[in-house]
PDB file of all heavy atoms in Angstrom:
ATOM      1  N   ALA A   1       0.856  -4.551   6.729  1.00  0.00           N
ATOM      2  CA  ALA A   1       1.330  -4.873   5.304  1.00  0.00           C
ATOM      3  C   ALA A   1       1.373  -3.545   4.579  1.00  0.00           C
ATOM      4  O   ALA A   1       2.360  -3.273   3.834  1.00  0.00           O
ATOM      5  CB  ALA A   1       0.340  -5.815   4.700  1.00  0.00           C
ATOM      6  N   MET A   2       0.377  -2.697   4.680  1.00  0.00           N
ATOM      7  CA  MET A   2       0.364  -1.470   3.855  1.00  0.00           C
ATOM      8  C   MET A   2       1.414  -0.550   4.347  1.00  0.00           C
ATOM      9  O   MET A   2       2.055   0.069   3.547  1.00  0.00           O
ATOM     10  CB  MET A   2      -1.053  -0.876   3.997  1.00  0.00           C
ATOM     11  CG  MET A   2      -2.194  -1.534   3.386  1.00  0.00           C
ATOM     12  SD  MET A   2      -1.982  -1.921   1.589  1.00  0.00           S
ATOM     13  CE  MET A   2      -1.466  -3.673   1.650  1.00  0.00           C
ATOM     14  N   GLU A   3       1.774  -0.448   5.558  1.00  0.00           N
ATOM     15  CA  GLU A   3       2.747   0.374   6.154  1.00  0.00           C
ATOM     16  C   GLU A   3       4.170  -0.133   5.614  1.00  0.00           C
ATOM     17  O   GLU A   3       4.914   0.751   5.238  1.00  0.00           O
ATOM     18  CB  GLU A   3       2.684   0.447   7.711  1.00  0.00           C
ATOM     19  CG  GLU A   3       1.384   1.132   8.169  1.00  0.00           C
ATOM     20  CD  GLU A   3       1.116   0.956   9.559  1.00  0.00           C
ATOM     21  OE1 GLU A   3       2.014   0.357  10.243  1.00  0.00           O
ATOM     22  OE2 GLU A   3       0.141   1.580  10.072  1.00  0.00           O
ATOM     23  N   ARG A   4       4.317  -1.415   5.623  1.00  0.00           N
ATOM     24  CA  ARG A   4       5.633  -1.982   5.112  1.00  0.00           C
ATOM     25  C   ARG A   4       5.747  -1.746   3.630  1.00  0.00           C
ATOM     26  O   ARG A   4       6.829  -1.428   3.123  1.00  0.00           O
ATOM     27  CB  ARG A   4       5.674  -3.530   5.493  1.00  0.00           C
ATOM     28  CG  ARG A   4       5.768  -3.798   6.873  1.00  0.00           C
ATOM     29  CD  ARG A   4       6.059  -5.250   7.224  1.00  0.00           C
ATOM     30  NE  ARG A   4       6.169  -5.548   8.616  1.00  0.00           N
ATOM     31  CZ  ARG A   4       6.754  -6.672   9.076  1.00  0.00           C
ATOM     32  NH1 ARG A   4       7.306  -7.474   8.429  1.00  0.00           N
ATOM     33  NH2 ARG A   4       6.771  -6.790  10.447  1.00  0.00           N
ATOM     34  N   LEU A   5       4.598  -1.902   2.912  1.00  0.00           N
ATOM     35  CA  LEU A   5       4.650  -1.709   1.482  1.00  0.00           C
ATOM     36  C   LEU A   5       4.953  -0.151   1.203  1.00  0.00           C
ATOM     37  O   LEU A   5       5.966  -0.006   0.330  1.00  0.00           O
ATOM     38  CB  LEU A   5       3.231  -2.006   0.940  1.00  0.00           C
ATOM     39  CG  LEU A   5       3.225  -2.587  -0.453  1.00  0.00           C
ATOM     40  CD1 LEU A   5       3.789  -3.853  -0.636  1.00  0.00           C
ATOM     41  CD2 LEU A   5       1.699  -2.594  -0.936  1.00  0.00           C
ATOM     42  N   TYR A   6       4.378   0.661   1.896  1.00  0.00           N
ATOM     43  CA  TYR A   6       4.747   2.081   1.570  1.00  0.00           C
ATOM     44  C   TYR A   6       6.206   2.410   2.070  1.00  0.00           C
ATOM     45  O   TYR A   6       6.892   3.147   1.297  1.00  0.00           O
ATOM     46  CB  TYR A   6       3.828   2.941   2.406  1.00  0.00           C
ATOM     47  CG  TYR A   6       4.023   4.485   2.110  1.00  0.00           C
ATOM     48  CD1 TYR A   6       3.579   5.134   1.014  1.00  0.00           C
ATOM     49  CD2 TYR A   6       4.887   5.284   3.102  1.00  0.00           C
ATOM     50  CE1 TYR A   6       3.882   6.423   0.788  1.00  0.00           C
ATOM     51  CE2 TYR A   6       5.089   6.538   2.892  1.00  0.00           C
ATOM     52  CZ  TYR A   6       4.563   7.156   1.670  1.00  0.00           C
ATOM     53  OH  TYR A   6       4.862   8.518   1.435  1.00  0.00           O
ATOM     54  N   LEU A   7       6.685   1.890   3.098  1.00  0.00           N
ATOM     55  CA  LEU A   7       8.074   2.165   3.659  1.00  0.00           C
ATOM     56  C   LEU A   7       9.048   1.646   2.627  1.00  0.00           C
ATOM     57  O   LEU A   7       9.952   2.433   2.307  1.00  0.00           O
ATOM     58  CB  LEU A   7       8.257   1.589   4.974  1.00  0.00           C
ATOM     59  CG  LEU A   7       9.743   1.722   5.528  1.00  0.00           C
ATOM     60  CD1 LEU A   7       9.957   3.109   5.721  1.00  0.00           C
ATOM     61  CD2 LEU A   7       9.834   0.926   6.922  1.00  0.00           C
ATOM     62  N   SER A   8       8.879   0.519   2.124  1.00  0.00           N
ATOM     63  CA  SER A   8       9.723  -0.020   1.128  1.00  0.00           C
ATOM     64  C   SER A   8       9.725   0.761  -0.194  1.00  0.00           C
ATOM     65  O   SER A   8      10.722   1.082  -0.903  1.00  0.00           O
ATOM     66  CB  SER A   8       9.440  -1.517   0.768  1.00  0.00           C
ATOM     67  OG  SER A   8       9.667  -2.305   1.889  1.00  0.00           O
ATOM     68  N   ALA A   9       8.526   1.220  -0.637  1.00  0.00           N
ATOM     69  CA  ALA A   9       8.403   1.972  -1.818  1.00  0.00           C
ATOM     70  C   ALA A   9       9.091   3.380  -1.635  1.00  0.00           C
ATOM     71  O   ALA A   9       9.803   3.782  -2.522  1.00  0.00           O
ATOM     72  CB  ALA A   9       6.808   2.321  -2.130  1.00  0.00           C
ATOM     73  N   ALA A  10       8.951   3.930  -0.434  1.00  0.00           N
ATOM     74  CA  ALA A  10       9.479   5.270  -0.173  1.00  0.00           C
ATOM     75  C   ALA A  10      11.080   5.059  -0.123  1.00  0.00           C
ATOM     76  O   ALA A  10      11.839   5.923  -0.682  1.00  0.00           O
ATOM     77  CB  ALA A  10       9.023   5.738   1.157  1.00  0.00           C
ATOM     78  N   THR A  11      11.508   4.000   0.602  1.00  0.00           N
ATOM     79  CA  THR A  11      13.002   3.777   0.719  1.00  0.00           C
ATOM     80  C   THR A  11      13.640   3.539  -0.651  1.00  0.00           C
ATOM     81  O   THR A  11      14.831   4.059  -0.859  1.00  0.00           O
ATOM     82  CB  THR A  11      13.233   2.642   1.537  1.00  0.00           C
ATOM     83  OG1 THR A  11      12.613   2.794   2.891  1.00  0.00           O
ATOM     84  CG2 THR A  11      14.731   2.322   1.761  1.00  0.00           C
ATOM     85  N   ASN A  12      12.950   3.070  -1.626  1.00  0.00           N
ATOM     86  CA  ASN A  12      13.400   2.776  -2.953  1.00  0.00           C
ATOM     87  C   ASN A  12      13.097   3.860  -3.959  1.00  0.00           C
ATOM     88  O   ASN A  12      13.301   3.577  -5.196  1.00  0.00           O
ATOM     89  CB  ASN A  12      13.047   1.362  -3.465  1.00  0.00           C
ATOM     90  CG  ASN A  12      13.702   0.221  -2.532  1.00  0.00           C
ATOM     91  OD1 ASN A  12      14.777  -0.131  -2.962  1.00  0.00           O
ATOM     92  ND2 ASN A  12      13.081  -0.300  -1.562  1.00  0.00           N
ATOM     93  N   GLY A  13      12.589   4.952  -3.555  1.00  0.00           N
ATOM     94  CA  GLY A  13      12.359   6.077  -4.419  1.00  0.00           C
ATOM     95  C   GLY A  13      11.067   5.881  -5.300  1.00  0.00           C
ATOM     96  O   GLY A  13      11.000   6.539  -6.429  1.00  0.00           O
ATOM     97  N   LEU A  14      10.136   5.089  -4.911  1.00  0.00           N
ATOM     98  CA  LEU A  14       8.939   4.869  -5.743  1.00  0.00           C
ATOM     99  C   LEU A  14       7.727   5.481  -5.268  1.00  0.00           C
ATOM    100  O   LEU A  14       6.648   5.490  -5.989  1.00  0.00           O
ATOM    101  CB  LEU A  14       8.671   3.352  -5.876  1.00  0.00           C
ATOM    102  CG  LEU A  14       9.909   2.556  -6.478  1.00  0.00           C
ATOM    103  CD1 LEU A  14       9.585   1.062  -6.314  1.00  0.00           C
ATOM    104  CD2 LEU A  14      10.139   2.897  -7.812  1.00  0.00           C
ATOM    105  N   ALA A  15       7.768   5.973  -4.060  1.00  0.00           N
ATOM    106  CA  ALA A  15       6.533   6.466  -3.430  1.00  0.00           C
ATOM    107  C   ALA A  15       6.030   7.904  -3.916  1.00  0.00           C
ATOM    108  O   ALA A  15       4.877   8.185  -3.770  1.00  0.00           O
ATOM    109  CB  ALA A  15       6.604   6.573  -1.839  1.00  0.00           C
ATOM    110  N   ASP A  16       6.936   8.558  -4.505  1.00  0.00           N
ATOM    111  CA  ASP A  16       6.534  10.011  -4.964  1.00  0.00           C
ATOM    112  C   ASP A  16       6.037   9.973  -6.359  1.00  0.00           C
ATOM    113  O   ASP A  16       5.642  11.099  -6.816  1.00  0.00           O
ATOM    114  CB  ASP A  16       7.803  10.935  -4.762  1.00  0.00           C
ATOM    115  CG  ASP A  16       8.887  10.515  -5.686  1.00  0.00           C
ATOM    116  OD1 ASP A  16       9.108   9.325  -5.961  1.00  0.00           O
ATOM    117  OD2 ASP A  16       9.748  11.296  -5.935  1.00  0.00           O
ATOM    118  N   PHE A  17       5.894   8.956  -7.078  1.00  0.00           N
ATOM    119  CA  PHE A  17       5.262   8.961  -8.390  1.00  0.00           C
ATOM    120  C   PHE A  17       3.706   9.047  -8.330  1.00  0.00           C
ATOM    121  O   PHE A  17       3.183   8.244  -7.513  1.00  0.00           O
ATOM    122  CB  PHE A  17       5.744   7.767  -9.209  1.00  0.00           C
ATOM    123  CG  PHE A  17       7.222   7.792  -9.491  1.00  0.00           C
ATOM    124  CD1 PHE A  17       8.051   7.023  -8.819  1.00  0.00           C
ATOM    125  CD2 PHE A  17       7.682   8.589 -10.569  1.00  0.00           C
ATOM    126  CE1 PHE A  17       9.358   7.052  -9.221  1.00  0.00           C
ATOM    127  CE2 PHE A  17       8.933   8.579 -10.917  1.00  0.00           C
ATOM    128  CZ  PHE A  17       9.858   7.900 -10.223  1.00  0.00           C
ATOM    129  N   ALA A  18       3.060   9.756  -9.150  1.00  0.00           N
ATOM    130  CA  ALA A  18       1.694   9.992  -9.051  1.00  0.00           C
ATOM    131  C   ALA A  18       0.873   8.723  -9.501  1.00  0.00           C
ATOM    132  O   ALA A  18      -0.295   8.568  -9.149  1.00  0.00           O
ATOM    133  CB  ALA A  18       1.230  11.179  -9.902  1.00  0.00           C
ATOM    134  N   ASP A  19       1.453   7.766 -10.285  1.00  0.00           N
ATOM    135  CA  ASP A  19       0.789   6.664 -10.782  1.00  0.00           C
ATOM    136  C   ASP A  19       1.007   5.334  -9.944  1.00  0.00           C
ATOM    137  O   ASP A  19       0.780   4.331 -10.423  1.00  0.00           O
ATOM    138  CB  ASP A  19       1.065   6.405 -12.228  1.00  0.00           C
ATOM    139  CG  ASP A  19       2.561   6.041 -12.477  1.00  0.00           C
ATOM    140  OD1 ASP A  19       3.318   6.417 -11.537  1.00  0.00           O
ATOM    141  OD2 ASP A  19       2.885   5.476 -13.620  1.00  0.00           O
ATOM    142  N   GLY A  20       1.540   5.515  -8.714  1.00  0.00           N
ATOM    143  CA  GLY A  20       1.801   4.375  -7.905  1.00  0.00           C
ATOM    144  C   GLY A  20       0.403   3.797  -7.321  1.00  0.00           C
ATOM    145  O   GLY A  20      -0.481   4.472  -6.877  1.00  0.00           O
ATOM    146  N   ILE A  21       0.288   2.433  -7.354  1.00  0.00           N
ATOM    147  CA  ILE A  21      -0.854   1.767  -6.811  1.00  0.00           C
ATOM    148  C   ILE A  21      -0.431   0.622  -6.060  1.00  0.00           C
ATOM    149  O   ILE A  21       0.417  -0.181  -6.423  1.00  0.00           O
ATOM    150  CB  ILE A  21      -1.734   1.356  -8.096  1.00  0.00           C
ATOM    151  CG1 ILE A  21      -2.232   2.453  -8.942  1.00  0.00           C
ATOM    152  CG2 ILE A  21      -3.033   0.479  -7.607  1.00  0.00           C
ATOM    153  CD1 ILE A  21      -2.956   2.054 -10.139  1.00  0.00           C
ATOM    154  N   ALA A  22      -1.197   0.359  -4.925  1.00  0.00           N
ATOM    155  CA  ALA A  22      -1.025  -0.828  -4.246  1.00  0.00           C
ATOM    156  C   ALA A  22      -2.164  -1.754  -4.559  1.00  0.00           C
ATOM    157  O   ALA A  22      -3.316  -1.425  -4.310  1.00  0.00           O
ATOM    158  CB  ALA A  22      -1.035  -0.495  -2.610  1.00  0.00           C
ATOM    159  N   TYR A  23      -1.876  -2.890  -5.199  1.00  0.00           N
ATOM    160  CA  TYR A  23      -2.801  -3.858  -5.610  1.00  0.00           C
ATOM    161  C   TYR A  23      -3.052  -4.852  -4.500  1.00  0.00           C
ATOM    162  O   TYR A  23      -2.075  -5.409  -4.038  1.00  0.00           O
ATOM    163  CB  TYR A  23      -2.341  -4.551  -6.932  1.00  0.00           C
ATOM    164  CG  TYR A  23      -2.131  -3.689  -8.032  1.00  0.00           C
ATOM    165  CD1 TYR A  23      -0.784  -3.226  -8.271  1.00  0.00           C
ATOM    166  CD2 TYR A  23      -3.074  -3.230  -8.908  1.00  0.00           C
ATOM    167  CE1 TYR A  23      -0.488  -2.354  -9.331  1.00  0.00           C
ATOM    168  CE2 TYR A  23      -2.728  -2.411  -9.994  1.00  0.00           C
ATOM    169  CZ  TYR A  23      -1.494  -2.014 -10.310  1.00  0.00           C
ATOM    170  OH  TYR A  23      -1.215  -1.198 -11.303  1.00  0.00           O
ATOM    171  N   VAL A  24      -4.387  -4.953  -4.194  1.00  0.00           N
ATOM    172  CA  VAL A  24      -4.696  -5.915  -2.974  1.00  0.00           C
ATOM    173  C   VAL A  24      -5.896  -6.795  -3.431  1.00  0.00           C
ATOM    174  O   VAL A  24      -6.638  -6.432  -4.404  1.00  0.00           O
ATOM    175  CB  VAL A  24      -4.923  -5.216  -1.713  1.00  0.00           C
ATOM    176  CG1 VAL A  24      -3.807  -4.402  -1.300  1.00  0.00           C
ATOM    177  CG2 VAL A  24      -6.234  -4.352  -1.787  1.00  0.00           C
ATOM    178  N   GLY A  25      -6.124  -7.945  -2.757  1.00  0.00           N
ATOM    179  CA  GLY A  25      -7.380  -8.706  -3.021  1.00  0.00           C
ATOM    180  C   GLY A  25      -8.542  -8.017  -2.294  1.00  0.00           C
ATOM    181  O   GLY A  25      -8.295  -7.235  -1.395  1.00  0.00           O
ATOM    182  N   TYR A  26      -9.811  -8.286  -2.738  1.00  0.00           N
ATOM    183  CA  TYR A  26     -10.914  -7.845  -2.067  1.00  0.00           C
ATOM    184  C   TYR A  26     -10.935  -8.215  -0.544  1.00  0.00           C
ATOM    185  O   TYR A  26     -11.473  -7.494   0.286  1.00  0.00           O
ATOM    186  CB  TYR A  26     -12.211  -8.247  -2.741  1.00  0.00           C
ATOM    187  CG  TYR A  26     -12.528  -7.387  -3.935  1.00  0.00           C
ATOM    188  CD1 TYR A  26     -11.922  -7.599  -5.234  1.00  0.00           C
ATOM    189  CD2 TYR A  26     -13.367  -6.279  -3.903  1.00  0.00           C
ATOM    190  CE1 TYR A  26     -12.190  -6.821  -6.342  1.00  0.00           C
ATOM    191  CE2 TYR A  26     -13.692  -5.561  -4.989  1.00  0.00           C
ATOM    192  CZ  TYR A  26     -13.109  -5.760  -6.169  1.00  0.00           C
ATOM    193  OH  TYR A  26     -13.408  -4.940  -7.283  1.00  0.00           O
ATOM    194  N   ASP A  27     -10.444  -9.343  -0.287  1.00  0.00           N
ATOM    195  CA  ASP A  27     -10.444  -9.842   1.209  1.00  0.00           C
ATOM    196  C   ASP A  27      -9.531  -8.889   2.062  1.00  0.00           C
ATOM    197  O   ASP A  27      -9.941  -8.581   3.134  1.00  0.00           O
ATOM    198  CB  ASP A  27     -10.107 -11.242   1.270  1.00  0.00           C
ATOM    199  CG  ASP A  27      -8.895 -11.624   0.290  1.00  0.00           C
ATOM    200  OD1 ASP A  27      -8.294 -10.792  -0.240  1.00  0.00           O
ATOM    201  OD2 ASP A  27      -8.664 -13.013   0.175  1.00  0.00           O
ATOM    202  N   LEU A  28      -8.382  -8.709   1.454  1.00  0.00           N
ATOM    203  CA  LEU A  28      -7.509  -7.843   2.189  1.00  0.00           C
ATOM    204  C   LEU A  28      -8.008  -6.446   2.358  1.00  0.00           C
ATOM    205  O   LEU A  28      -7.795  -5.636   3.374  1.00  0.00           O
ATOM    206  CB  LEU A  28      -6.018  -7.827   1.537  1.00  0.00           C
ATOM    207  CG  LEU A  28      -4.986  -7.060   2.190  1.00  0.00           C
ATOM    208  CD1 LEU A  28      -4.722  -7.482   3.711  1.00  0.00           C
ATOM    209  CD2 LEU A  28      -3.600  -7.178   1.349  1.00  0.00           C
ATOM    210  N   TYR A  29      -8.541  -5.995   1.298  1.00  0.00           N
ATOM    211  CA  TYR A  29      -9.094  -4.617   1.213  1.00  0.00           C
ATOM    212  C   TYR A  29     -10.130  -4.416   2.289  1.00  0.00           C
ATOM    213  O   TYR A  29     -10.258  -3.465   2.979  1.00  0.00           O
ATOM    214  CB  TYR A  29      -9.722  -4.322  -0.223  1.00  0.00           C
ATOM    215  CG  TYR A  29     -10.230  -2.876  -0.375  1.00  0.00           C
ATOM    216  CD1 TYR A  29      -9.491  -1.839  -0.825  1.00  0.00           C
ATOM    217  CD2 TYR A  29     -11.481  -2.608  -0.132  1.00  0.00           C
ATOM    218  CE1 TYR A  29      -9.888  -0.549  -0.964  1.00  0.00           C
ATOM    219  CE2 TYR A  29     -12.050  -1.388  -0.341  1.00  0.00           C
ATOM    220  CZ  TYR A  29     -11.261  -0.297  -0.777  1.00  0.00           C
ATOM    221  OH  TYR A  29     -11.679   0.866  -0.911  1.00  0.00           O
ATOM    222  N   ALA A  30     -11.063  -5.460   2.398  1.00  0.00           N
ATOM    223  CA  ALA A  30     -12.074  -5.360   3.397  1.00  0.00           C
ATOM    224  C   ALA A  30     -11.483  -5.377   4.861  1.00  0.00           C
ATOM    225  O   ALA A  30     -12.019  -4.701   5.785  1.00  0.00           O
ATOM    226  CB  ALA A  30     -13.007  -6.618   3.309  1.00  0.00           C
ATOM    227  N   LEU A  31     -10.470  -6.222   5.049  1.00  0.00           N
ATOM    228  CA  LEU A  31      -9.780  -6.202   6.386  1.00  0.00           C
ATOM    229  C   LEU A  31      -9.210  -4.858   6.721  1.00  0.00           C
ATOM    230  O   LEU A  31      -9.153  -4.336   7.866  1.00  0.00           O
ATOM    231  CB  LEU A  31      -8.763  -7.287   6.420  1.00  0.00           C
ATOM    232  CG  LEU A  31      -9.413  -8.706   6.605  1.00  0.00           C
ATOM    233  CD1 LEU A  31      -8.299  -9.755   6.321  1.00  0.00           C
ATOM    234  CD2 LEU A  31      -9.999  -8.941   8.066  1.00  0.00           C
ATOM    235  N   LEU A  32      -8.433  -4.290   5.688  1.00  0.00           N
ATOM    236  CA  LEU A  32      -7.824  -3.053   5.880  1.00  0.00           C
ATOM    237  C   LEU A  32      -8.873  -1.907   6.187  1.00  0.00           C
ATOM    238  O   LEU A  32      -8.607  -1.042   7.093  1.00  0.00           O
ATOM    239  CB  LEU A  32      -7.052  -2.687   4.620  1.00  0.00           C
ATOM    240  CG  LEU A  32      -6.280  -1.316   4.603  1.00  0.00           C
ATOM    241  CD1 LEU A  32      -5.322  -1.176   5.685  1.00  0.00           C
ATOM    242  CD2 LEU A  32      -5.742  -0.999   3.248  1.00  0.00           C
ATOM    243  N   TYR A  33      -9.973  -1.879   5.514  1.00  0.00           N
ATOM    244  CA  TYR A  33     -10.885  -0.794   5.726  1.00  0.00           C
ATOM    245  C   TYR A  33     -11.472  -0.965   7.129  1.00  0.00           C
ATOM    246  O   TYR A  33     -11.631   0.094   7.848  1.00  0.00           O
ATOM    247  CB  TYR A  33     -12.033  -1.080   4.638  1.00  0.00           C
ATOM    248  CG  TYR A  33     -12.941   0.253   4.417  1.00  0.00           C
ATOM    249  CD1 TYR A  33     -12.609   1.134   3.387  1.00  0.00           C
ATOM    250  CD2 TYR A  33     -13.936   0.516   5.299  1.00  0.00           C
ATOM    251  CE1 TYR A  33     -13.471   2.272   3.159  1.00  0.00           C
ATOM    252  CE2 TYR A  33     -14.783   1.587   5.147  1.00  0.00           C
ATOM    253  CZ  TYR A  33     -14.468   2.570   4.083  1.00  0.00           C
ATOM    254  OH  TYR A  33     -15.267   3.587   3.850  1.00  0.00           O
ATOM    255  N   SER A  34     -11.846  -2.235   7.544  1.00  0.00           N
ATOM    256  CA  SER A  34     -12.260  -2.368   8.833  1.00  0.00           C
ATOM    257  C   SER A  34     -11.319  -2.008   9.920  1.00  0.00           C
ATOM    258  O   SER A  34     -11.725  -1.433  10.856  1.00  0.00           O
ATOM    259  CB  SER A  34     -12.831  -3.871   9.057  1.00  0.00           C
ATOM    260  OG  SER A  34     -13.811  -4.179   8.137  1.00  0.00           O
ATOM    261  N   ALA A  35     -10.102  -2.379   9.706  1.00  0.00           N
ATOM    262  CA  ALA A  35      -9.075  -1.965  10.668  1.00  0.00           C
ATOM    263  C   ALA A  35      -8.839  -0.522  10.876  1.00  0.00           C
ATOM    264  O   ALA A  35      -8.756  -0.023  11.959  1.00  0.00           O
ATOM    265  CB  ALA A  35      -7.698  -2.669  10.230  1.00  0.00           C
ATOM    266  N   MET A  36      -9.012   0.181   9.784  1.00  0.00           N
ATOM    267  CA  MET A  36      -8.847   1.654   9.871  1.00  0.00           C
ATOM    268  C   MET A  36      -9.988   2.317  10.630  1.00  0.00           C
ATOM    269  O   MET A  36      -9.898   3.281  11.415  1.00  0.00           O
ATOM    270  CB  MET A  36      -8.703   2.303   8.558  1.00  0.00           C
ATOM    271  CG  MET A  36      -7.438   1.740   7.849  1.00  0.00           C
ATOM    272  SD  MET A  36      -7.286   2.363   6.096  1.00  0.00           S
ATOM    273  CE  MET A  36      -7.012   4.015   6.319  1.00  0.00           C
TER     274      MET A  36
END
């Protein structure tokens, strides 16, 4: 999900802004952290 989110942001010219944030729930955040 995070990779798709970033790819779409980059494709649409949004990834290079310094104030970009990916908002997630604490449950998704915990799964992402564990996966990494």
